[in-house]
Protein backbone atom coordinates (compact mmCIF):
# COMPACT_ATOMS: atom_id res chain seq x y z
CA UNK A 1 13.71 12.26 -22.59
CA UNK A 2 10.05 11.26 -22.85
CA UNK A 3 10.59 7.59 -21.94
CA UNK A 4 11.94 8.23 -18.40
CA UNK A 5 8.79 10.26 -17.74
CA UNK A 6 6.61 7.48 -19.17
CA UNK A 7 8.21 4.91 -16.88
CA UNK A 8 7.93 7.20 -13.88
CA UNK A 9 4.18 7.32 -14.54
CA UNK A 10 3.97 3.56 -15.15
CA UNK A 11 5.75 2.80 -11.87
CA UNK A 12 3.37 5.16 -10.10
CA UNK A 13 0.44 3.23 -11.61
CA UNK A 14 1.95 -0.09 -10.49
CA UNK A 15 2.30 1.16 -6.92
CA UNK A 16 -1.26 2.49 -7.04
CA UNK A 17 -2.50 -0.96 -8.04
CA UNK A 18 -0.41 -2.58 -5.32
CA UNK A 19 -1.59 -0.28 -2.53
CA UNK A 20 -5.25 -0.50 -3.54
CA UNK A 21 -5.35 -4.29 -3.89
CA UNK A 22 -2.91 -5.28 -1.18
CA UNK A 23 -4.22 -2.50 1.05
CA UNK A 24 -7.44 -4.32 1.83
CA UNK A 25 -5.52 -7.63 2.03
CA UNK A 26 -3.39 -6.17 4.81
CA UNK A 27 -6.42 -4.65 6.50
CA UNK A 28 -8.33 -7.94 6.43
CA UNK A 29 -5.29 -9.78 7.77
CA UNK A 30 -4.93 -7.38 10.69
CA UNK A 31 -8.61 -7.84 11.56
CA UNK A 32 -8.79 -11.66 11.39
CA UNK A 33 -8.47 -12.25 15.18
CA UNK A 34 -10.77 -9.33 16.06
CA UNK A 35 -13.67 -9.66 13.63
CA UNK A 36 -13.92 -13.46 13.84
CA UNK A 37 -14.96 -14.70 17.28
CA UNK A 38 -15.00 -18.40 16.34
CA UNK A 39 -12.84 -20.48 14.03
CA UNK A 40 -15.61 -20.62 11.43
CA UNK A 41 -15.94 -16.84 11.50
CA UNK A 42 -12.19 -16.34 11.17
CA UNK A 43 -12.20 -18.73 8.21
CA UNK A 44 -14.94 -16.61 6.64
CA UNK A 45 -12.84 -13.45 7.11
CA UNK A 46 -9.84 -15.10 5.44
CA UNK A 47 -12.08 -16.42 2.65
CA UNK A 48 -12.87 -12.84 1.58
CA UNK A 49 -9.28 -12.49 0.33
CA UNK A 50 -8.51 -16.19 -0.21
CA UNK A 51 -8.85 -16.23 -4.02
CA UNK A 52 -6.98 -12.96 -4.65
CA UNK A 53 -4.34 -12.17 -2.03
CA UNK A 54 -1.45 -13.97 -3.74
CA UNK A 55 -2.22 -12.44 -7.15
CA UNK A 56 -2.31 -8.97 -5.58
CA UNK A 57 1.32 -9.34 -4.51
CA UNK A 58 2.35 -9.58 -8.16
CA UNK A 59 1.89 -5.81 -8.40
CA UNK A 60 4.77 -5.32 -5.95
CA UNK A 61 7.02 -7.73 -7.85
CA UNK A 62 6.22 -5.95 -11.11
CA UNK A 63 6.83 -2.52 -9.60
CA UNK A 64 10.19 -3.65 -8.20
CA UNK A 65 11.17 -5.14 -11.55
CA UNK A 66 10.18 -1.94 -13.36
CA UNK A 67 12.27 0.13 -10.93
CA UNK A 68 15.27 -2.15 -11.46
CA UNK A 69 15.04 -2.04 -15.25
CA UNK A 70 14.00 1.58 -15.80
CA UNK A 71 15.86 3.33 -12.96
CA UNK A 72 18.68 1.04 -11.73
CA UNK A 73 20.36 3.75 -9.64
CA UNK A 74 17.06 4.45 -7.87
CA UNK A 75 16.59 0.74 -7.21
CA UNK A 76 20.13 0.40 -5.87
CA UNK A 77 19.90 3.42 -3.57
CA UNK A 78 16.47 2.48 -2.22
CA UNK A 79 17.47 -1.09 -1.46
CA UNK A 80 20.75 -0.06 0.16
CA UNK A 81 19.22 2.73 2.24
CA UNK A 82 16.04 0.89 3.26
CA UNK A 83 17.65 -2.55 3.31
CA UNK A 84 16.58 -3.66 6.81
CA UNK A 85 13.08 -2.29 6.37
CA UNK A 86 12.62 -4.05 3.03
CA UNK A 87 14.07 -7.28 4.48
CA UNK A 88 11.50 -7.02 7.28
CA UNK A 89 8.81 -6.44 4.64
CA UNK A 90 9.88 -9.55 2.74
CA UNK A 91 9.95 -11.63 5.92
CA UNK A 92 6.45 -10.44 6.82
CA UNK A 93 5.12 -11.35 3.36
CA UNK A 94 6.63 -14.82 3.66
CA UNK A 95 5.19 -15.36 7.15
CA UNK A 96 1.78 -14.11 6.09
CA UNK A 97 1.69 -16.40 3.04
CA UNK A 98 2.76 -19.41 5.09
CA UNK A 99 0.23 -18.61 7.82
CA UNK A 100 -2.65 -18.27 5.35
CA UNK A 101 -1.81 -21.66 3.86
CA UNK A 102 -0.89 -23.56 7.04
CA UNK A 103 -3.66 -22.51 9.46
CA UNK A 104 -6.03 -25.05 7.90
CA UNK A 105 -3.48 -27.91 8.04
CA UNK A 106 -4.22 -28.64 11.70
CA UNK A 107 -7.50 -28.92 13.60
CA UNK A 108 -6.19 -27.85 17.00
CA UNK A 109 -7.66 -24.50 18.18
CA UNK A 110 -4.25 -23.51 19.57
CA UNK A 111 -2.61 -24.28 16.22
CA UNK A 112 -5.06 -22.06 14.32
CA UNK A 113 -5.00 -19.20 16.81
CA UNK A 114 -1.22 -19.01 16.58
CA UNK A 115 -1.35 -18.80 12.80
CA UNK A 116 -4.13 -16.20 13.03
CA UNK A 117 -1.94 -14.08 15.30
CA UNK A 118 0.91 -14.37 12.79
CA UNK A 119 -1.43 -13.32 9.98
CA UNK A 120 -2.38 -10.20 11.94
CA UNK A 121 1.19 -9.23 12.85
CA UNK A 122 2.61 -10.01 9.40
CA UNK A 123 -0.18 -7.96 7.79
CA UNK A 124 0.68 -4.93 9.94
CA UNK A 125 4.39 -4.85 9.11
CA UNK A 126 4.16 -4.01 5.35
CA UNK A 127 2.02 -0.85 5.76
CA UNK A 128 4.32 0.28 8.58
CA UNK A 129 7.36 -0.17 6.32
CA UNK A 130 5.70 1.53 3.35
CA UNK A 131 4.48 4.46 5.44
CA UNK A 132 7.95 4.88 6.91
CA UNK A 133 9.54 4.72 3.45
CA UNK A 134 7.05 7.19 1.98
CA UNK A 135 7.70 9.70 4.75
CA UNK A 136 11.45 9.50 4.26
CA UNK A 137 11.19 9.74 0.47
CA UNK A 138 9.19 12.95 0.79
CA UNK A 139 11.37 14.38 3.56
CA UNK A 140 14.67 13.46 1.99
CA UNK A 141 17.43 11.07 3.04
CA UNK A 142 21.22 11.48 3.22
CA UNK A 143 22.50 10.70 -0.28
CA UNK A 144 25.98 11.74 -1.40
CA UNK A 145 27.06 12.94 -4.83
CA UNK A 146 27.73 9.33 -5.91
CA UNK A 147 24.06 8.40 -5.32
CA UNK A 148 25.00 6.40 -2.23
CA UNK A 149 22.89 6.35 0.93
CA UNK A 150 25.17 7.45 3.78
CA UNK A 151 22.76 7.31 6.71
CA UNK A 152 21.83 4.36 8.92
CA UNK A 153 18.64 2.51 9.77
CA UNK A 154 17.85 4.80 12.73
CA UNK A 155 17.98 7.81 10.38
CA UNK A 156 14.66 6.65 8.96
CA UNK A 157 12.89 6.89 12.35
CA UNK A 158 11.94 10.55 12.48
CA UNK A 159 8.62 12.00 13.73
CA UNK A 160 7.31 12.77 10.24
CA UNK A 161 7.96 9.29 8.87
CA UNK A 162 6.54 7.64 12.00
CA UNK A 163 3.28 9.57 11.62
CA UNK A 164 3.21 8.47 7.97
CA UNK A 165 3.68 4.85 9.05
CA UNK A 166 0.84 4.97 11.60
CA UNK A 167 -1.44 6.80 9.15
CA UNK A 168 -0.78 4.15 6.49
CA UNK A 169 -1.62 1.31 8.89
CA UNK A 170 -4.82 3.09 9.88
CA UNK A 171 -5.81 3.71 6.26
CA UNK A 172 -5.28 0.07 5.27
CA UNK A 173 -7.12 -1.06 8.40
CA UNK A 174 -10.11 1.03 7.31
CA UNK A 175 -9.76 -0.33 3.77
CA UNK A 176 -9.81 -3.91 5.06
CA UNK A 177 -12.78 -3.33 7.37
CA UNK A 178 -14.85 -1.94 4.52
CA UNK A 179 -13.85 -4.86 2.30
CA UNK A 180 -15.04 -7.32 4.96
CA UNK A 181 -18.22 -5.27 5.25
CA UNK A 182 -18.80 -5.81 1.52
CA UNK A 183 -17.73 -9.45 1.25
CA UNK A 184 -18.34 -11.27 4.55
CA UNK A 185 -21.66 -12.74 5.75
CA UNK A 186 -23.55 -11.36 8.73
CA UNK A 187 -22.75 -10.86 11.60
CA UNK A 188 -19.16 -10.34 10.40
CA UNK A 189 -20.14 -7.55 8.02
CA UNK A 190 -21.92 -5.69 10.83
CA UNK A 191 -18.89 -5.96 13.11
CA UNK A 192 -16.61 -4.80 10.32
CA UNK A 193 -18.90 -1.81 9.70
CA UNK A 194 -18.58 -0.78 13.36
CA UNK A 195 -14.80 -1.18 13.22
CA UNK A 196 -14.68 0.93 10.05
CA UNK A 197 -16.72 3.67 11.70
CA UNK A 198 -14.38 3.75 14.71
CA UNK A 199 -11.15 3.48 12.71
CA UNK A 200 -12.41 6.02 10.17
CA UNK A 201 -12.26 8.95 12.55
CA UNK A 202 -8.66 8.19 13.56
CA UNK A 203 -7.66 7.61 9.96
CA UNK A 204 -8.98 11.04 9.02
CA UNK A 205 -7.11 12.72 11.89
CA UNK A 206 -3.84 10.91 11.12
CA UNK A 207 -4.19 11.51 7.39
CA UNK A 208 -4.50 15.28 7.77
CA UNK A 209 -1.83 15.36 10.48
CA UNK A 210 0.56 13.82 7.95
CA UNK A 211 -0.54 16.29 5.26
CA UNK A 212 0.02 19.29 7.56
CA UNK A 213 3.42 17.95 8.64
CA UNK A 214 4.33 17.51 4.97
CA UNK A 215 4.33 21.27 4.53
CA UNK A 216 6.95 21.60 7.26
CA UNK A 217 9.06 18.45 6.89
CA UNK A 218 8.70 17.68 3.17
CA UNK A 219 8.63 21.32 2.05
CA UNK A 220 5.54 20.80 -0.11
CA UNK A 221 4.72 24.49 0.06
CA UNK A 222 7.99 25.26 -1.70
CA UNK A 223 7.52 22.54 -4.33
CA UNK A 224 3.75 22.60 -4.94
CA UNK A 225 2.69 25.90 -3.40
CA UNK A 226 -0.06 26.46 -0.85
CA UNK A 227 -2.54 25.18 -3.44
CA UNK A 228 -1.27 21.65 -4.15
CA UNK A 229 -3.63 21.13 -7.08
CA UNK A 230 -6.76 19.05 -7.64
CA UNK A 231 -5.28 15.58 -7.02
CA UNK A 232 -4.19 16.11 -3.38
CA UNK A 233 -7.34 18.11 -2.62
CA UNK A 234 -9.59 15.37 -3.98
CA UNK A 235 -7.65 12.82 -1.92
CA UNK A 236 -8.47 14.77 1.24
CA UNK A 237 -12.12 15.15 0.25
CA UNK A 238 -12.37 11.40 -0.37
CA UNK A 239 -11.27 10.46 3.14
CA UNK A 240 -13.67 13.04 4.58
CA UNK A 241 -16.49 11.56 2.50
CA UNK A 242 -16.05 8.19 4.23
CA UNK A 243 -17.19 9.74 7.52
CA UNK A 244 -20.46 10.84 5.91
CA UNK A 245 -21.07 7.59 4.02
CA UNK A 246 -20.58 5.14 6.89
CA UNK A 247 -23.51 6.20 9.12
CA UNK A 248 -25.93 5.66 6.22
CA UNK A 249 -24.41 2.23 5.54
CA UNK A 250 -23.42 3.16 2.01
CA UNK A 251 -20.93 0.30 2.06
CA UNK A 252 -19.85 0.29 -1.56
CA UNK A 253 -19.53 4.07 -1.78
CA UNK A 254 -17.49 4.19 1.44
CA UNK A 255 -15.19 1.45 0.15
CA UNK A 256 -14.59 3.23 -3.15
CA UNK A 257 -14.03 6.52 -1.33
CA UNK A 258 -11.11 4.85 0.45
CA UNK A 259 -9.93 3.45 -2.91
CA UNK A 260 -9.97 6.99 -4.33
CA UNK A 261 -8.05 8.23 -1.29
CA UNK A 262 -5.31 5.61 -1.79
CA UNK A 263 -5.13 6.19 -5.55
CA UNK A 264 -5.00 9.97 -5.32
CA UNK A 265 -2.66 10.00 -2.31
CA UNK A 266 -0.17 7.74 -4.08
CA UNK A 267 -0.26 9.93 -7.16
CA UNK A 268 0.17 12.96 -4.87
CA UNK A 269 3.39 11.48 -3.47
CA UNK A 270 4.77 10.89 -6.97
CA UNK A 271 3.59 14.36 -8.01
CA UNK A 272 5.41 15.92 -5.05
CA UNK A 273 8.57 13.98 -5.95
CA UNK A 274 8.60 14.66 -9.71
CA UNK A 275 11.05 14.83 -11.43
CA UNK A 276 12.99 13.54 -8.42
CA UNK A 277 13.09 9.89 -7.42
CA UNK A 278 14.95 10.32 -4.13
CA UNK A 279 15.63 13.65 -2.46
CA UNK A 280 19.07 14.21 -0.95
CA UNK A 281 18.90 15.92 2.41
CA UNK A 282 22.60 16.75 2.15
CA UNK A 283 22.45 18.67 -1.13
CA UNK A 284 19.40 19.06 -3.41
CA UNK A 285 21.69 18.78 -6.44
CA UNK A 286 22.63 15.25 -5.38
CA UNK A 287 19.03 14.05 -5.62
CA UNK A 288 18.19 11.19 -7.95
CA UNK A 289 15.94 12.25 -10.82
CA UNK A 290 14.20 10.46 -13.66
CA UNK A 291 16.98 11.76 -15.91
CA UNK A 292 20.20 11.00 -14.03
CA UNK A 293 19.04 7.62 -12.68
CA UNK A 294 17.38 6.12 -15.75
CA UNK A 295 18.50 3.28 -17.99
CA UNK A 296 19.77 3.84 -21.50
CA UNK A 297 17.17 4.75 -24.17
CA UNK A 298 17.32 1.35 -25.91
CA UNK A 299 16.45 -0.52 -22.69
CA UNK A 300 13.53 1.80 -22.07
CA UNK A 301 12.28 1.31 -25.63
CA UNK A 302 12.33 -2.49 -25.31
CA UNK A 303 10.62 -2.32 -21.91
CA UNK A 304 7.92 -0.05 -23.32
CA UNK A 305 7.12 -2.49 -26.12
CA UNK A 306 6.90 -5.38 -23.63
CA UNK A 307 4.71 -3.36 -21.26
CA UNK A 308 2.31 -2.34 -24.02
CA UNK A 309 2.00 -6.00 -25.05
CA UNK A 310 1.74 -7.73 -21.66
CA UNK A 311 0.16 -5.23 -19.27
CA UNK A 312 -3.33 -5.21 -20.87
CA UNK A 313 -3.45 -9.03 -20.65
CA UNK A 314 -2.49 -8.98 -16.97
CA UNK A 315 -5.10 -6.33 -16.20
CA UNK A 316 -7.77 -8.26 -18.11
CA UNK A 317 -6.95 -11.48 -16.25
CA UNK A 318 -7.07 -9.83 -12.84
CA UNK A 319 -10.32 -8.04 -13.67
CA UNK A 320 -11.80 -11.40 -14.70
CA UNK A 321 -10.65 -12.94 -11.41
CA UNK A 322 -12.43 -10.28 -9.36
CA UNK A 323 -15.54 -10.69 -11.49
CA UNK A 324 -15.61 -14.46 -10.87
CA UNK A 325 -15.25 -14.01 -7.10
CA UNK A 326 -17.47 -10.93 -6.83
CA UNK A 327 -20.19 -12.51 -4.66
CA UNK A 328 -20.41 -12.24 -0.89
CA UNK A 329 -18.75 -15.14 0.94
CA UNK A 330 -20.95 -17.65 2.77
CA UNK A 331 -19.95 -19.83 5.71
CA UNK A 332 -20.27 -22.88 3.44
CA UNK A 333 -17.41 -21.58 1.28
CA UNK A 334 -14.86 -21.51 4.10
CA UNK A 335 -14.08 -25.17 4.81
CA UNK A 336 -10.66 -25.13 3.09
CA UNK A 337 -9.43 -22.03 4.94
């Protein structure tokens, strides 16, 4: 019974990596038309994520593959229940990728502005979908005793999940603004810093609104108690710290405070779910758990060996990529965007 727990933790780590790395990608994408006032400036904004955005999406593919292999019933129920939302997510990722590649294929200002608008819209959809999904996973969805989702798409649109969706968009917007602040040349970095300061206050309000609502809608008090433990508390302190770091222009510290918030918040969600994978709102005994939804022990053993072999190489390669492209972008580096 130890391997299902191991893979639950590994999937949590994969989603942490995805939200941290794609989080600022989405934030930068949403800010392209607003931070960049000219085409050259918008190219510079895109250049901050140009070398890494496509590699960051691999974390989502890996997390989905791990879910499918380790917990096939979880994968099936999630994709059947959230089918339209995940289809919208996939469409947005396709549009965003096409827009990032095609905006430089034409020299017309109208051509580029249209692609920039698509980048912004397509970058907003994924955090909305993930926030909505996270809220419903914590709150519970109608699942019958056969592990089938028996609700409809409108079931997912409840006040708690909608607040989670808006809070997630705001958090990633702040993440992206701080990334631009670190990577883009002046005056873009200064504009991004001002955006981060303004967005930061709303992010903090929405973040704690979602936390408070979690005690009523997700029944965290019953599962974790009034004291949720150090991980959720540190997540809240991290987002508060951003408000104190931004006025002093501690750019790097503010950015990593948001990173800590995303990391600890994602772990908090998995901690609140454990050992459940999906909570049934019809009957708690019909919930999917790491035990009743996992693959057979042999499959988990093979997957563990592969993960131990391959994962360190992938992490090393991605770390090397970020090291190579660690410098601040200059306007001279943006011609191909």
